Protein backbone atom coordinates (compact mmCIF):
# COMPACT_ATOMS: atom_id res chain seq x y z
CA UNK A 1 40.27 91.49 90.04
CA UNK A 2 41.02 87.83 89.44
CA UNK A 3 40.03 88.22 85.82
CA UNK A 4 42.42 91.19 85.49
CA UNK A 5 45.27 89.14 86.93
CA UNK A 6 44.54 86.26 84.58
CA UNK A 7 44.50 88.61 81.60
CA UNK A 8 47.80 90.27 82.53
CA UNK A 9 49.47 87.11 83.84
CA UNK A 10 52.32 87.26 81.31
CA UNK A 11 52.89 90.96 82.02
CA UNK A 12 53.05 90.42 85.80
CA UNK A 13 55.49 87.53 85.52
CA UNK A 14 57.63 89.48 83.07
CA UNK A 15 57.81 92.51 85.40
CA UNK A 16 58.61 90.27 88.37
CA UNK A 17 61.41 88.52 86.47
CA UNK A 18 62.87 91.83 85.27
CA UNK A 19 62.94 93.18 88.83
CA UNK A 20 64.38 89.93 90.17
CA UNK A 21 67.20 89.69 87.65
CA UNK A 22 67.86 93.44 87.80
CA UNK A 23 68.20 93.34 91.58
CA UNK A 24 70.51 90.31 91.46
CA UNK A 25 72.57 91.91 88.71
CA UNK A 26 73.30 94.97 90.83
CA UNK A 27 73.54 93.52 94.33
CA UNK A 28 74.33 90.15 95.79
CA UNK A 29 77.50 88.12 96.02
CA UNK A 30 78.03 88.10 92.25
CA UNK A 31 76.56 91.53 91.54
CA UNK A 32 78.04 94.68 90.08
CA UNK A 33 78.96 96.29 93.42
CA UNK A 34 80.63 93.11 94.59
CA UNK A 35 82.55 92.97 91.30
CA UNK A 36 83.88 96.49 91.84
CA UNK A 37 84.95 95.69 95.41
CA UNK A 38 86.70 92.50 94.33
CA UNK A 39 88.44 94.31 91.47
CA UNK A 40 89.77 96.93 93.91
CA UNK A 41 90.88 94.21 96.31
CA UNK A 42 92.70 92.44 93.48
CA UNK A 43 94.59 95.60 92.51
CA UNK A 44 95.59 96.19 96.14
CA UNK A 45 96.82 92.61 96.45
CA UNK A 46 98.84 92.93 93.24
CA UNK A 47 100.51 96.08 94.56
CA UNK A 48 101.29 94.34 97.83
CA UNK A 49 102.68 91.36 95.92
CA UNK A 50 105.03 93.65 93.98
CA UNK A 51 106.34 95.31 97.14
CA UNK A 52 106.84 91.97 98.88
CA UNK A 53 108.58 90.54 95.82
CA UNK A 54 110.98 93.48 95.71
CA UNK A 55 111.69 93.10 99.44
CA UNK A 56 112.39 89.40 98.97
CA UNK A 57 114.74 90.12 96.07
CA UNK A 58 116.57 92.73 98.16
CA UNK A 59 116.95 90.33 101.09
CA UNK A 60 118.13 87.56 98.76
CA UNK A 61 120.73 89.89 97.30
CA UNK A 62 121.98 90.87 100.76
CA UNK A 63 122.06 87.22 101.80
CA UNK A 64 124.08 86.38 98.71
CA UNK A 65 126.59 89.11 99.57
CA UNK A 66 127.08 87.59 103.01
CA UNK A 67 127.07 83.89 102.21
CA UNK A 68 128.83 82.68 99.07
CA UNK A 69 131.28 85.39 98.04
CA UNK A 70 131.93 87.67 100.98
CA UNK A 71 131.73 91.26 99.85
CA UNK A 72 134.03 93.16 102.17
CA UNK A 73 132.59 96.52 101.15
CA UNK A 74 129.11 95.42 102.14
CA UNK A 75 130.37 94.04 105.45
CA UNK A 76 132.14 97.33 106.14
CA UNK A 77 128.94 99.22 105.39
CA UNK A 78 127.00 96.98 107.76
CA UNK A 79 129.53 97.45 110.55
CA UNK A 80 129.50 101.22 110.09
CA UNK A 81 125.70 101.44 110.11
CA UNK A 82 124.89 98.95 112.84
CA UNK A 83 127.77 99.29 115.28
CA UNK A 84 128.84 102.87 114.52
CA UNK A 85 132.46 101.89 113.99
CA UNK A 86 134.82 103.97 111.98
CA UNK A 87 138.40 104.04 110.89
CA UNK A 88 141.24 105.77 112.67
CA UNK A 89 141.17 109.60 112.47
CA UNK A 90 137.61 109.49 111.23
CA UNK A 91 134.73 111.46 112.78
CA UNK A 92 131.28 109.89 112.93
CA UNK A 93 128.22 112.11 113.01
CA UNK A 94 124.88 110.69 114.13
CA UNK A 95 121.92 112.44 112.56
CA UNK A 96 118.66 111.70 114.30
CA UNK A 97 115.59 111.72 112.12
CA UNK A 98 112.49 112.75 114.06
CA UNK A 99 109.51 111.56 112.07
CA UNK A 100 106.02 112.57 113.10
């Protein structure tokens, strides 16, 4: 048995190294499955970044309308939406949206 191991020493080490590197290539912290998970996480974070960037731009635009040059149309829209005010001889209808 010992003589057989000595004769096939190179073959045994080669097989062991192939299994070792193959296993680490597929699994582990830097393996293929981890790569796929990190790639999916990156795409989700990029989508979230785009939505947050668009929200920030929208809020900046609204802030600009209220701070430097007062936009009276925007202020009127805010008053109508938030406080349910209207002009004289105007009827306001409240439509409730029941989301499930």
